[in-house]
Amino acid sequence: MMRPIVFIGLGIALLASTLSGASVFAADKPVEDGSKIMITSPKDGDKVSDNFELKYELVKGAQAGHVHVYVDNEYQRGFQGTVKGLSKGEHQITVKAANKDHAVVTATHTITVDVQ
């Protein structure tokens, strides 16, 4: 008899979260901790070579300790400051603040660059 009660409880929680717009699972939603991040170089719309240095400023909030870098929505594991080997054309660069557990906080900044 316990199984139907568990499923009913989960169903009620999912329905309530859908109606309220809130997530049932905390990991689905970035944490708001007061952090701010800005890509300082290159600027949005800049023309760059296929290798360029990415500079950003992170104002750490209550939880942010580092950043995650994405190129065209692909996480750049072990990023060391230089974007390398991009093909010619436009590419989207995103920097997201993350906490010690690598959960993303709400601070994020995205630019588009044009590789020449």
PDB file of N, CA and C in Angstrom:
ATOM      1  N   MET A   1       0.798  -1.208   0.000  1.00  0.00           N
ATOM      2  CA  MET A   1       0.000   0.000   0.000  1.00  0.00           C
ATOM      3  C   MET A   1       0.837   1.268   0.000  1.00  0.00           C
ATOM      4  N   MET A   2       2.104   1.180   0.349  1.00  0.00           N
ATOM      5  CA  MET A   2       2.940   2.381   0.410  1.00  0.00           C
ATOM      6  C   MET A   2       3.242   2.952  -0.976  1.00  0.00           C
ATOM      7  N   ARG A   3       3.398   2.131  -1.986  1.00  0.00           N
ATOM      8  CA  ARG A   3       3.761   2.620  -3.309  1.00  0.00           C
ATOM      9  C   ARG A   3       2.756   3.616  -3.873  1.00  0.00           C
ATOM     10  N   PRO A   4       1.472   3.350  -3.845  1.00  0.00           N
ATOM     11  CA  PRO A   4       0.539   4.351  -4.394  1.00  0.00           C
ATOM     12  C   PRO A   4       0.621   5.683  -3.669  1.00  0.00           C
ATOM     13  N   ILE A   5       0.867   5.650  -2.367  1.00  0.00           N
ATOM     14  CA  ILE A   5       0.947   6.897  -1.604  1.00  0.00           C
ATOM     15  C   ILE A   5       2.176   7.699  -2.034  1.00  0.00           C
ATOM     16  N   VAL A   6       3.303   7.027  -2.255  1.00  0.00           N
ATOM     17  CA  VAL A   6       4.519   7.702  -2.693  1.00  0.00           C
ATOM     18  C   VAL A   6       4.298   8.345  -4.053  1.00  0.00           C
ATOM     19  N   PHE A   7       3.728   7.601  -4.996  1.00  0.00           N
ATOM     20  CA  PHE A   7       3.473   8.133  -6.334  1.00  0.00           C
ATOM     21  C   PHE A   7       2.479   9.281  -6.305  1.00  0.00           C
ATOM     22  N   ILE A   8       1.460   9.173  -5.462  1.00  0.00           N
ATOM     23  CA  ILE A   8       0.482  10.259  -5.343  1.00  0.00           C
ATOM     24  C   ILE A   8       1.162  11.498  -4.778  1.00  0.00           C
ATOM     25  N   GLY A   9       2.014  11.315  -3.764  1.00  0.00           N
ATOM     26  CA  GLY A   9       2.725  12.449  -3.168  1.00  0.00           C
ATOM     27  C   GLY A   9       3.640  13.129  -4.170  1.00  0.00           C
ATOM     28  N   LEU A  10       4.372  12.345  -4.972  1.00  0.00           N
ATOM     29  CA  LEU A  10       5.248  12.913  -5.990  1.00  0.00           C
ATOM     30  C   LEU A  10       4.422  13.630  -7.045  1.00  0.00           C
ATOM     31  N   GLY A  11       3.309  13.040  -7.426  1.00  0.00           N
ATOM     32  CA  GLY A  11       2.425  13.675  -8.414  1.00  0.00           C
ATOM     33  C   GLY A  11       1.899  15.007  -7.921  1.00  0.00           C
ATOM     34  N   ILE A  12       1.517  15.065  -6.667  1.00  0.00           N
ATOM     35  CA  ILE A  12       1.022  16.322  -6.087  1.00  0.00           C
ATOM     36  C   ILE A  12       2.144  17.360  -6.063  1.00  0.00           C
ATOM     37  N   ALA A  13       3.357  16.943  -5.697  1.00  0.00           N
ATOM     38  CA  ALA A  13       4.491  17.871  -5.661  1.00  0.00           C
ATOM     39  C   ALA A  13       4.803  18.401  -7.056  1.00  0.00           C
ATOM     40  N   LEU A  14       4.790  17.523  -8.051  1.00  0.00           N
ATOM     41  CA  LEU A  14       5.064  17.965  -9.423  1.00  0.00           C
ATOM     42  C   LEU A  14       3.980  18.907  -9.929  1.00  0.00           C
ATOM     43  N   LEU A  15       2.728  18.597  -9.648  1.00  0.00           N
ATOM     44  CA  LEU A  15       1.632  19.461 -10.068  1.00  0.00           C
ATOM     45  C   LEU A  15       1.733  20.819  -9.376  1.00  0.00           C
ATOM     46  N   ALA A  16       2.032  20.821  -8.087  1.00  0.00           N
ATOM     47  CA  ALA A  16       2.156  22.086  -7.354  1.00  0.00           C
ATOM     48  C   ALA A  16       3.303  22.921  -7.898  1.00  0.00           C
ATOM     49  N   SER A  17       4.414  22.270  -8.247  1.00  0.00           N
ATOM     50  CA  SER A  17       5.546  23.034  -8.771  1.00  0.00           C
ATOM     51  C   SER A  17       5.232  23.601 -10.144  1.00  0.00           C
ATOM     52  N   THR A  18       4.484  22.861 -10.940  1.00  0.00           N
ATOM     53  CA  THR A  18       4.097  23.346 -12.267  1.00  0.00           C
ATOM     54  C   THR A  18       3.192  24.557 -12.140  1.00  0.00           C
ATOM     55  N   LEU A  19       2.249  24.498 -11.247  1.00  0.00           N
ATOM     56  CA  LEU A  19       1.314  25.609 -11.071  1.00  0.00           C
ATOM     57  C   LEU A  19       1.985  26.835 -10.465  1.00  0.00           C
ATOM     58  N   SER A  20       2.973  26.617  -9.590  1.00  0.00           N
ATOM     59  CA  SER A  20       3.632  27.749  -8.936  1.00  0.00           C
ATOM     60  C   SER A  20       4.811  28.284  -9.743  1.00  0.00           C
ATOM     61  N   GLY A  21       5.286  27.498 -10.714  1.00  0.00           N
ATOM     62  CA  GLY A  21       6.443  27.912 -11.504  1.00  0.00           C
ATOM     63  C   GLY A  21       7.756  27.586 -10.810  1.00  0.00           C
ATOM     64  N   ALA A  22       7.723  26.903  -9.684  1.00  0.00           N
ATOM     65  CA  ALA A  22       8.930  26.559  -8.940  1.00  0.00           C
ATOM     66  C   ALA A  22       9.358  25.138  -9.284  1.00  0.00           C
ATOM     67  N   SER A  23      10.617  24.851  -9.124  1.00  0.00           N
ATOM     68  CA  SER A  23      11.143  23.527  -9.399  1.00  0.00           C
ATOM     69  C   SER A  23      11.053  22.656  -8.158  1.00  0.00           C
ATOM     70  N   VAL A  24      10.737  21.380  -8.361  1.00  0.00           N
ATOM     71  CA  VAL A  24      10.720  20.429  -7.248  1.00  0.00           C
ATOM     72  C   VAL A  24      12.141  20.116  -6.830  1.00  0.00           C
ATOM     73  N   PHE A  25      13.048  20.088  -7.789  1.00  0.00           N
ATOM     74  CA  PHE A  25      14.433  19.736  -7.526  1.00  0.00           C
ATOM     75  C   PHE A  25      15.289  20.987  -7.542  1.00  0.00           C
ATOM     76  N   ALA A  26      15.965  21.282  -6.448  1.00  0.00           N
ATOM     77  CA  ALA A  26      16.741  22.521  -6.315  1.00  0.00           C
ATOM     78  C   ALA A  26      17.852  22.621  -7.349  1.00  0.00           C
ATOM     79  N   ALA A  27      18.417  21.494  -7.776  1.00  0.00           N
ATOM     80  CA  ALA A  27      19.531  21.517  -8.720  1.00  0.00           C
ATOM     81  C   ALA A  27      19.107  22.040 -10.097  1.00  0.00           C
ATOM     82  N   ASP A  28      17.816  22.040 -10.378  1.00  0.00           N
ATOM     83  CA  ASP A  28      17.331  22.516 -11.667  1.00  0.00           C
ATOM     84  C   ASP A  28      17.409  24.026 -11.799  1.00  0.00           C
ATOM     85  N   LYS A  29      17.488  24.721 -10.701  1.00  0.00           N
ATOM     86  CA  LYS A  29      17.419  26.175 -10.712  1.00  0.00           C
ATOM     87  C   LYS A  29      18.730  26.772 -10.214  1.00  0.00           C
ATOM     88  N   PRO A  30      19.347  27.707 -10.977  1.00  0.00           N
ATOM     89  CA  PRO A  30      20.567  28.346 -10.487  1.00  0.00           C
ATOM     90  C   PRO A  30      20.326  29.067  -9.161  1.00  0.00           C
ATOM     91  N   VAL A  31      21.351  29.104  -8.344  1.00  0.00           N
ATOM     92  CA  VAL A  31      21.281  29.729  -7.030  1.00  0.00           C
ATOM     93  C   VAL A  31      21.515  31.236  -7.158  1.00  0.00           C
ATOM     94  N   GLU A  32      20.665  32.046  -6.565  1.00  0.00           N
ATOM     95  CA  GLU A  32      20.857  33.503  -6.521  1.00  0.00           C
ATOM     96  C   GLU A  32      21.659  33.818  -5.259  1.00  0.00           C
ATOM     97  N   ASP A  33      22.915  34.240  -5.435  1.00  0.00           N
ATOM     98  CA  ASP A  33      23.760  34.506  -4.272  1.00  0.00           C
ATOM     99  C   ASP A  33      24.364  35.907  -4.279  1.00  0.00           C
ATOM    100  N   GLY A  34      23.935  36.751  -5.216  1.00  0.00           N
ATOM    101  CA  GLY A  34      24.457  38.111  -5.281  1.00  0.00           C
ATOM    102  C   GLY A  34      25.707  38.261  -6.134  1.00  0.00           C
ATOM    103  N   SER A  35      26.166  37.175  -6.750  1.00  0.00           N
ATOM    104  CA  SER A  35      27.357  37.242  -7.600  1.00  0.00           C
ATOM    105  C   SER A  35      27.061  38.020  -8.877  1.00  0.00           C
ATOM    106  N   LYS A  36      28.127  38.591  -9.452  1.00  0.00           N
ATOM    107  CA  LYS A  36      28.029  39.283 -10.733  1.00  0.00           C
ATOM    108  C   LYS A  36      29.242  38.896 -11.560  1.00  0.00           C
ATOM    109  N   ILE A  37      29.027  38.740 -12.872  1.00  0.00           N
ATOM    110  CA  ILE A  37      30.141  38.393 -13.751  1.00  0.00           C
ATOM    111  C   ILE A  37      30.025  39.179 -15.041  1.00  0.00           C
ATOM    112  N   MET A  38      31.187  39.601 -15.569  1.00  0.00           N
ATOM    113  CA  MET A  38      31.203  40.336 -16.826  1.00  0.00           C
ATOM    114  C   MET A  38      32.446  39.956 -17.617  1.00  0.00           C
ATOM    115  N   ILE A  39      32.230  39.614 -18.893  1.00  0.00           N
ATOM    116  CA  ILE A  39      33.352  39.380 -19.797  1.00  0.00           C
ATOM    117  C   ILE A  39      33.880  40.754 -20.186  1.00  0.00           C
ATOM    118  N   THR A  40      35.171  40.995 -19.936  1.00  0.00           N
ATOM    119  CA  THR A  40      35.762  42.307 -20.227  1.00  0.00           C
ATOM    120  C   THR A  40      36.528  42.328 -21.545  1.00  0.00           C
ATOM    121  N   SER A  41      36.965  41.155 -22.016  1.00  0.00           N
ATOM    122  CA  SER A  41      37.675  41.088 -23.289  1.00  0.00           C
ATOM    123  C   SER A  41      37.609  39.664 -23.820  1.00  0.00           C
ATOM    124  N   PRO A  42      37.243  39.499 -25.056  1.00  0.00           N
ATOM    125  CA  PRO A  42      36.849  40.518 -26.033  1.00  0.00           C
ATOM    126  C   PRO A  42      35.453  41.056 -25.715  1.00  0.00           C
ATOM    127  N   LYS A  43      35.068  42.096 -26.423  1.00  0.00           N
ATOM    128  CA  LYS A  43      33.738  42.690 -26.277  1.00  0.00           C
ATOM    129  C   LYS A  43      32.760  41.976 -27.207  1.00  0.00           C
ATOM    130  N   ASP A  44      31.484  42.087 -26.894  1.00  0.00           N
ATOM    131  CA  ASP A  44      30.443  41.503 -27.731  1.00  0.00           C
ATOM    132  C   ASP A  44      30.555  42.043 -29.156  1.00  0.00           C
ATOM    133  N   GLY A  45      30.599  41.146 -30.128  1.00  0.00           N
ATOM    134  CA  GLY A  45      30.678  41.540 -31.529  1.00  0.00           C
ATOM    135  C   GLY A  45      32.081  41.725 -32.071  1.00  0.00           C
ATOM    136  N   ASP A  46      33.110  41.612 -31.214  1.00  0.00           N
ATOM    137  CA  ASP A  46      34.489  41.796 -31.668  1.00  0.00           C
ATOM    138  C   ASP A  46      34.903  40.746 -32.688  1.00  0.00           C
ATOM    139  N   LYS A  47      35.804  41.153 -33.579  1.00  0.00           N
ATOM    140  CA  LYS A  47      36.462  40.242 -34.502  1.00  0.00           C
ATOM    141  C   LYS A  47      37.729  39.745 -33.804  1.00  0.00           C
ATOM    142  N   VAL A  48      37.924  38.427 -33.806  1.00  0.00           N
ATOM    143  CA  VAL A  48      39.056  37.831 -33.104  1.00  0.00           C
ATOM    144  C   VAL A  48      39.738  36.801 -33.998  1.00  0.00           C
ATOM    145  N   SER A  49      40.952  36.384 -33.603  1.00  0.00           N
ATOM    146  CA  SER A  49      41.626  35.295 -34.306  1.00  0.00           C
ATOM    147  C   SER A  49      41.088  33.970 -33.762  1.00  0.00           C
ATOM    148  N   ASP A  50      41.569  32.858 -34.284  1.00  0.00           N
ATOM    149  CA  ASP A  50      41.071  31.556 -33.830  1.00  0.00           C
ATOM    150  C   ASP A  50      41.573  31.183 -32.437  1.00  0.00           C
ATOM    151  N   ASN A  51      42.545  31.926 -31.915  1.00  0.00           N
ATOM    152  CA  ASN A  51      43.025  31.783 -30.541  1.00  0.00           C
ATOM    153  C   ASN A  51      43.000  33.157 -29.887  1.00  0.00           C
ATOM    154  N   PHE A  52      42.324  33.284 -28.759  1.00  0.00           N
ATOM    155  CA  PHE A  52      42.285  34.577 -28.074  1.00  0.00           C
ATOM    156  C   PHE A  52      42.122  34.376 -26.574  1.00  0.00           C
ATOM    157  N   GLU A  53      42.610  35.366 -25.836  1.00  0.00           N
ATOM    158  CA  GLU A  53      42.503  35.348 -24.381  1.00  0.00           C
ATOM    159  C   GLU A  53      41.127  35.851 -23.969  1.00  0.00           C
ATOM    160  N   LEU A  54      40.485  35.129 -23.073  1.00  0.00           N
ATOM    161  CA  LEU A  54      39.189  35.517 -22.527  1.00  0.00           C
ATOM    162  C   LEU A  54      39.409  36.096 -21.142  1.00  0.00           C
ATOM    163  N   LYS A  55      38.986  37.346 -20.945  1.00  0.00           N
ATOM    164  CA  LYS A  55      39.122  37.991 -19.637  1.00  0.00           C
ATOM    165  C   LYS A  55      37.732  38.303 -19.104  1.00  0.00           C
ATOM    166  N   TYR A  56      37.578  38.137 -17.801  1.00  0.00           N
ATOM    167  CA  TYR A  56      36.288  38.400 -17.153  1.00  0.00           C
ATOM    168  C   TYR A  56      36.533  38.859 -15.731  1.00  0.00           C
ATOM    169  N   GLU A  57      35.525  39.496 -15.171  1.00  0.00           N
ATOM    170  CA  GLU A  57      35.569  39.915 -13.765  1.00  0.00           C
ATOM    171  C   GLU A  57      34.431  39.232 -13.035  1.00  0.00           C
ATOM    172  N   LEU A  58      34.748  38.569 -11.935  1.00  0.00           N
ATOM    173  CA  LEU A  58      33.760  37.895 -11.104  1.00  0.00           C
ATOM    174  C   LEU A  58      33.702  38.584  -9.751  1.00  0.00           C
ATOM    175  N   VAL A  59      32.533  39.094  -9.411  1.00  0.00           N
ATOM    176  CA  VAL A  59      32.289  39.615  -8.061  1.00  0.00           C
ATOM    177  C   VAL A  59      31.575  38.492  -7.332  1.00  0.00           C
ATOM    178  N   LYS A  60      32.295  37.878  -6.392  1.00  0.00           N
ATOM    179  CA  LYS A  60      31.760  36.706  -5.705  1.00  0.00           C
ATOM    180  C   LYS A  60      30.684  37.088  -4.709  1.00  0.00           C
ATOM    181  N   GLY A  61      29.580  36.359  -4.775  1.00  0.00           N
ATOM    182  CA  GLY A  61      28.504  36.516  -3.810  1.00  0.00           C
ATOM    183  C   GLY A  61      28.730  35.547  -2.668  1.00  0.00           C
ATOM    184  N   ALA A  62      27.644  35.108  -2.069  1.00  0.00           N
ATOM    185  CA  ALA A  62      27.724  34.228  -0.909  1.00  0.00           C
ATOM    186  C   ALA A  62      28.276  32.846  -1.247  1.00  0.00           C
ATOM    187  N   GLN A  63      28.115  32.399  -2.509  1.00  0.00           N
ATOM    188  CA  GLN A  63      28.512  31.035  -2.842  1.00  0.00           C
ATOM    189  C   GLN A  63      29.499  30.902  -4.000  1.00  0.00           C
ATOM    190  N   ALA A  64      29.491  31.804  -4.945  1.00  0.00           N
ATOM    191  CA  ALA A  64      30.337  31.654  -6.139  1.00  0.00           C
ATOM    192  C   ALA A  64      31.811  31.646  -5.766  1.00  0.00           C
ATOM    193  N   GLY A  65      32.550  30.731  -6.389  1.00  0.00           N
ATOM    194  CA  GLY A  65      33.979  30.657  -6.118  1.00  0.00           C
ATOM    195  C   GLY A  65      34.816  30.572  -7.381  1.00  0.00           C
ATOM    196  N   HIS A  66      34.200  30.200  -8.481  1.00  0.00           N
ATOM    197  CA  HIS A  66      34.918  30.069  -9.744  1.00  0.00           C
ATOM    198  C   HIS A  66      33.909  30.191 -10.884  1.00  0.00           C
ATOM    199  N   VAL A  67      34.402  30.051 -12.115  1.00  0.00           N
ATOM    200  CA  VAL A  67      33.509  30.157 -13.271  1.00  0.00           C
ATOM    201  C   VAL A  67      33.604  28.914 -14.143  1.00  0.00           C
ATOM    202  N   HIS A  68      32.574  28.715 -14.934  1.00  0.00           N
ATOM    203  CA  HIS A  68      32.561  27.711 -15.990  1.00  0.00           C
ATOM    204  C   HIS A  68      32.463  28.470 -17.300  1.00  0.00           C
ATOM    205  N   VAL A  69      33.271  28.068 -18.279  1.00  0.00           N
ATOM    206  CA  VAL A  69      33.285  28.721 -19.582  1.00  0.00           C
ATOM    207  C   VAL A  69      32.677  27.764 -20.611  1.00  0.00           C
ATOM    208  N   TYR A  70      31.831  28.330 -21.473  1.00  0.00           N
ATOM    209  CA  TYR A  70      31.170  27.569 -22.530  1.00  0.00           C
ATOM    210  C   TYR A  70      31.442  28.247 -23.870  1.00  0.00           C
ATOM    211  N   VAL A  71      31.748  27.455 -24.877  1.00  0.00           N
ATOM    212  CA  VAL A  71      31.878  27.957 -26.240  1.00  0.00           C
ATOM    213  C   VAL A  71      30.795  27.256 -27.056  1.00  0.00           C
ATOM    214  N   ASP A  72      29.909  28.053 -27.625  1.00  0.00           N
ATOM    215  CA  ASP A  72      28.780  27.500 -28.381  1.00  0.00           C
ATOM    216  C   ASP A  72      28.019  26.469 -27.545  1.00  0.00           C
ATOM    217  N   ASN A  73      27.769  26.815 -26.282  1.00  0.00           N
ATOM    218  CA  ASN A  73      27.026  25.993 -25.315  1.00  0.00           C
ATOM    219  C   ASN A  73      27.728  24.698 -24.926  1.00  0.00           C
ATOM    220  N   GLU A  74      29.002  24.576 -25.230  1.00  0.00           N
ATOM    221  CA  GLU A  74      29.762  23.386 -24.856  1.00  0.00           C
ATOM    222  C   GLU A  74      30.742  23.753 -23.742  1.00  0.00           C
ATOM    223  N   TYR A  75      30.626  23.051 -22.606  1.00  0.00           N
ATOM    224  CA  TYR A  75      31.472  23.311 -21.441  1.00  0.00           C
ATOM    225  C   TYR A  75      32.940  23.081 -21.782  1.00  0.00           C
ATOM    226  N   GLN A  76      33.796  24.021 -21.390  1.00  0.00           N
ATOM    227  CA  GLN A  76      35.233  23.954 -21.642  1.00  0.00           C
ATOM    228  C   GLN A  76      35.943  23.478 -20.379  1.00  0.00           C
ATOM    229  N   ARG A  77      35.949  22.182 -20.171  1.00  0.00           N
ATOM    230  CA  ARG A  77      36.559  21.585 -18.975  1.00  0.00           C
ATOM    231  C   ARG A  77      38.044  21.951 -18.906  1.00  0.00           C
ATOM    232  N   GLY A  78      38.500  22.393 -17.733  1.00  0.00           N
ATOM    233  CA  GLY A  78      39.905  22.731 -17.533  1.00  0.00           C
ATOM    234  C   GLY A  78      40.343  24.012 -18.228  1.00  0.00           C
ATOM    235  N   PHE A  79      39.406  24.897 -18.503  1.00  0.00           N
ATOM    236  CA  PHE A  79      39.719  26.139 -19.216  1.00  0.00           C
ATOM    237  C   PHE A  79      40.819  26.902 -18.494  1.00  0.00           C
ATOM    238  N   GLN A  80      41.842  27.352 -19.260  1.00  0.00           N
ATOM    239  CA  GLN A  80      43.000  28.027 -18.685  1.00  0.00           C
ATOM    240  C   GLN A  80      43.158  29.481 -19.127  1.00  0.00           C
ATOM    241  N   GLY A  81      42.113  30.082 -19.729  1.00  0.00           N
ATOM    242  CA  GLY A  81      42.188  31.498 -20.062  1.00  0.00           C
ATOM    243  C   GLY A  81      42.271  31.817 -21.539  1.00  0.00           C
ATOM    244  N   THR A  82      42.601  30.827 -22.377  1.00  0.00           N
ATOM    245  CA  THR A  82      42.706  31.064 -23.810  1.00  0.00           C
ATOM    246  C   THR A  82      41.749  30.153 -24.563  1.00  0.00           C
ATOM    247  N   VAL A  83      40.941  30.766 -25.413  1.00  0.00           N
ATOM    248  CA  VAL A  83      40.066  30.007 -26.298  1.00  0.00           C
ATOM    249  C   VAL A  83      40.908  29.671 -27.524  1.00  0.00           C
ATOM    250  N   LYS A  84      40.934  28.388 -27.905  1.00  0.00           N
ATOM    251  CA  LYS A  84      41.838  27.955 -28.971  1.00  0.00           C
ATOM    252  C   LYS A  84      41.093  27.190 -30.062  1.00  0.00           C
ATOM    253  N   GLY A  85      41.574  27.399 -31.310  1.00  0.00           N
ATOM    254  CA  GLY A  85      41.167  26.564 -32.422  1.00  0.00           C
ATOM    255  C   GLY A  85      39.747  26.703 -32.919  1.00  0.00           C
ATOM    256  N   LEU A  86      39.150  27.873 -32.777  1.00  0.00           N
ATOM    257  CA  LEU A  86      37.783  28.055 -33.266  1.00  0.00           C
ATOM    258  C   LEU A  86      37.771  28.194 -34.787  1.00  0.00           C
ATOM    259  N   SER A  87      36.746  27.671 -35.397  1.00  0.00           N
ATOM    260  CA  SER A  87      36.581  27.818 -36.842  1.00  0.00           C
ATOM    261  C   SER A  87      36.134  29.244 -37.157  1.00  0.00           C
ATOM    262  N   LYS A  88      36.315  29.650 -38.415  1.00  0.00           N
ATOM    263  CA  LYS A  88      35.881  30.992 -38.824  1.00  0.00           C
ATOM    264  C   LYS A  88      34.375  31.111 -38.690  1.00  0.00           C
ATOM    265  N   GLY A  89      33.935  32.341 -38.377  1.00  0.00           N
ATOM    266  CA  GLY A  89      32.515  32.596 -38.218  1.00  0.00           C
ATOM    267  C   GLY A  89      32.177  33.022 -36.801  1.00  0.00           C
ATOM    268  N   GLU A  90      30.885  33.125 -36.527  1.00  0.00           N
ATOM    269  CA  GLU A  90      30.433  33.584 -35.206  1.00  0.00           C
ATOM    270  C   GLU A  90      30.389  32.441 -34.203  1.00  0.00           C
ATOM    271  N   HIS A  91      30.794  32.781 -32.977  1.00  0.00           N
ATOM    272  CA  HIS A  91      30.770  31.820 -31.877  1.00  0.00           C
ATOM    273  C   HIS A  91      30.261  32.527 -30.620  1.00  0.00           C
ATOM    274  N   GLN A  92      29.516  31.800 -29.831  1.00  0.00           N
ATOM    275  CA  GLN A  92      28.964  32.326 -28.586  1.00  0.00           C
ATOM    276  C   GLN A  92      29.859  31.881 -27.429  1.00  0.00           C
ATOM    277  N   ILE A  93      30.269  32.856 -26.611  1.00  0.00           N
ATOM    278  CA  ILE A  93      31.093  32.588 -25.434  1.00  0.00           C
ATOM    279  C   ILE A  93      30.270  32.950 -24.202  1.00  0.00           C
ATOM    280  N   THR A  94      30.146  32.013 -23.269  1.00  0.00           N
ATOM    281  CA  THR A  94      29.376  32.244 -22.045  1.00  0.00           C
ATOM    282  C   THR A  94      30.241  31.913 -20.839  1.00  0.00           C
ATOM    283  N   VAL A  95      30.181  32.768 -19.835  1.00  0.00           N
ATOM    284  CA  VAL A  95      30.857  32.529 -18.563  1.00  0.00           C
ATOM    285  C   VAL A  95      29.781  32.515 -17.482  1.00  0.00           C
ATOM    286  N   LYS A  96      29.775  31.433 -16.684  1.00  0.00           N
ATOM    287  CA  LYS A  96      28.792  31.281 -15.613  1.00  0.00           C
ATOM    288  C   LYS A  96      29.513  31.085 -14.292  1.00  0.00           C
ATOM    289  N   ALA A  97      29.074  31.790 -13.269  1.00  0.00           N
ATOM    290  CA  ALA A  97      29.639  31.610 -11.933  1.00  0.00           C
ATOM    291  C   ALA A  97      29.134  30.282 -11.361  1.00  0.00           C
ATOM    292  N   ALA A  98      29.989  29.628 -10.574  1.00  0.00           N
ATOM    293  CA  ALA A  98      29.630  28.348  -9.968  1.00  0.00           C
ATOM    294  C   ALA A  98      30.146  28.293  -8.538  1.00  0.00           C
ATOM    295  N   ASN A  99      29.498  27.466  -7.723  1.00  0.00           N
ATOM    296  CA  ASN A  99      29.925  27.319  -6.329  1.00  0.00           C
ATOM    297  C   ASN A  99      30.915  26.158  -6.207  1.00  0.00           C
ATOM    298  N   LYS A 100      31.331  25.854  -4.990  1.00  0.00           N
ATOM    299  CA  LYS A 100      32.354  24.829  -4.765  1.00  0.00           C
ATOM    300  C   LYS A 100      31.911  23.444  -5.221  1.00  0.00           C
ATOM    301  N   ASP A 101      30.606  23.230  -5.293  1.00  0.00           N
ATOM    302  CA  ASP A 101      30.071  21.950  -5.758  1.00  0.00           C
ATOM    303  C   ASP A 101      29.807  21.961  -7.262  1.00  0.00           C
ATOM    304  N   HIS A 102      30.235  23.018  -7.939  1.00  0.00           N
ATOM    305  CA  HIS A 102      30.074  23.224  -9.380  1.00  0.00           C
ATOM    306  C   HIS A 102      28.638  23.492  -9.797  1.00  0.00           C
ATOM    307  N   ALA A 103      27.759  23.766  -8.844  1.00  0.00           N
ATOM    308  CA  ALA A 103      26.393  24.172  -9.195  1.00  0.00           C
ATOM    309  C   ALA A 103      26.452  25.611  -9.686  1.00  0.00           C
ATOM    310  N   VAL A 104      25.765  25.883 -10.780  1.00  0.00           N
ATOM    311  CA  VAL A 104      25.773  27.220 -11.371  1.00  0.00           C
ATOM    312  C   VAL A 104      24.921  28.160 -10.528  1.00  0.00           C
ATOM    313  N   VAL A 105      25.457  29.354 -10.285  1.00  0.00           N
ATOM    314  CA  VAL A 105      24.669  30.406  -9.636  1.00  0.00           C
ATOM    315  C   VAL A 105      24.108  31.288 -10.758  1.00  0.00           C
ATOM    316  N   THR A 106      23.274  32.249 -10.435  1.00  0.00           N
ATOM    317  CA  THR A 106      22.573  32.996 -11.481  1.00  0.00           C
ATOM    318  C   THR A 106      23.454  33.938 -12.289  1.00  0.00           C
ATOM    319  N   ALA A 107      24.627  34.278 -11.801  1.00  0.00           N
ATOM    320  CA  ALA A 107      25.501  35.208 -12.525  1.00  0.00           C
ATOM    321  C   ALA A 107      26.020  34.562 -13.805  1.00  0.00           C
ATOM    322  N   THR A 108      25.725  35.192 -14.932  1.00  0.00           N
ATOM    323  CA  THR A 108      26.172  34.696 -16.232  1.00  0.00           C
ATOM    324  C   THR A 108      26.317  35.856 -17.201  1.00  0.00           C
ATOM    325  N   HIS A 109      27.218  35.727 -18.169  1.00  0.00           N
ATOM    326  CA  HIS A 109      27.390  36.750 -19.194  1.00  0.00           C
ATOM    327  C   HIS A 109      27.753  36.036 -20.500  1.00  0.00           C
ATOM    328  N   THR A 110      27.105  36.437 -21.576  1.00  0.00           N
ATOM    329  CA  THR A 110      27.332  35.829 -22.888  1.00  0.00           C
ATOM    330  C   THR A 110      27.665  36.901 -23.904  1.00  0.00           C
ATOM    331  N   ILE A 111      28.651  36.612 -24.748  1.00  0.00           N
ATOM    332  CA  ILE A 111      28.989  37.480 -25.860  1.00  0.00           C
ATOM    333  C   ILE A 111      29.068  36.630 -27.129  1.00  0.00           C
ATOM    334  N   THR A 112      29.068  37.305 -28.263  1.00  0.00           N
ATOM    335  CA  THR A 112      29.300  36.654 -29.552  1.00  0.00           C
ATOM    336  C   THR A 112      30.539  37.281 -30.158  1.00  0.00           C
ATOM    337  N   VAL A 113      31.435  36.424 -30.676  1.00  0.00           N
ATOM    338  CA  VAL A 113      32.635  36.909 -31.352  1.00  0.00           C
ATOM    339  C   VAL A 113      32.626  36.393 -32.782  1.00  0.00           C
ATOM    340  N   ASP A 114      33.343  37.095 -33.648  1.00  0.00           N
ATOM    341  CA  ASP A 114      33.451  36.722 -35.041  1.00  0.00           C
ATOM    342  C   ASP A 114      34.905  36.346 -35.324  1.00  0.00           C
ATOM    343  N   VAL A 115      35.161  35.051 -35.520  1.00  0.00           N
ATOM    344  CA  VAL A 115      36.520  34.575 -35.777  1.00  0.00           C
ATOM    345  C   VAL A 115      36.848  34.831 -37.245  1.00  0.00           C
ATOM    346  N   GLN A 116      37.959  35.552 -37.468  1.00  0.00           N
ATOM    347  CA  GLN A 116      38.395  35.897 -38.823  1.00  0.00           C
ATOM    348  C   GLN A 116      39.363  34.894 -39.388  1.00  0.00           C
TER     349      GLN A 116
END
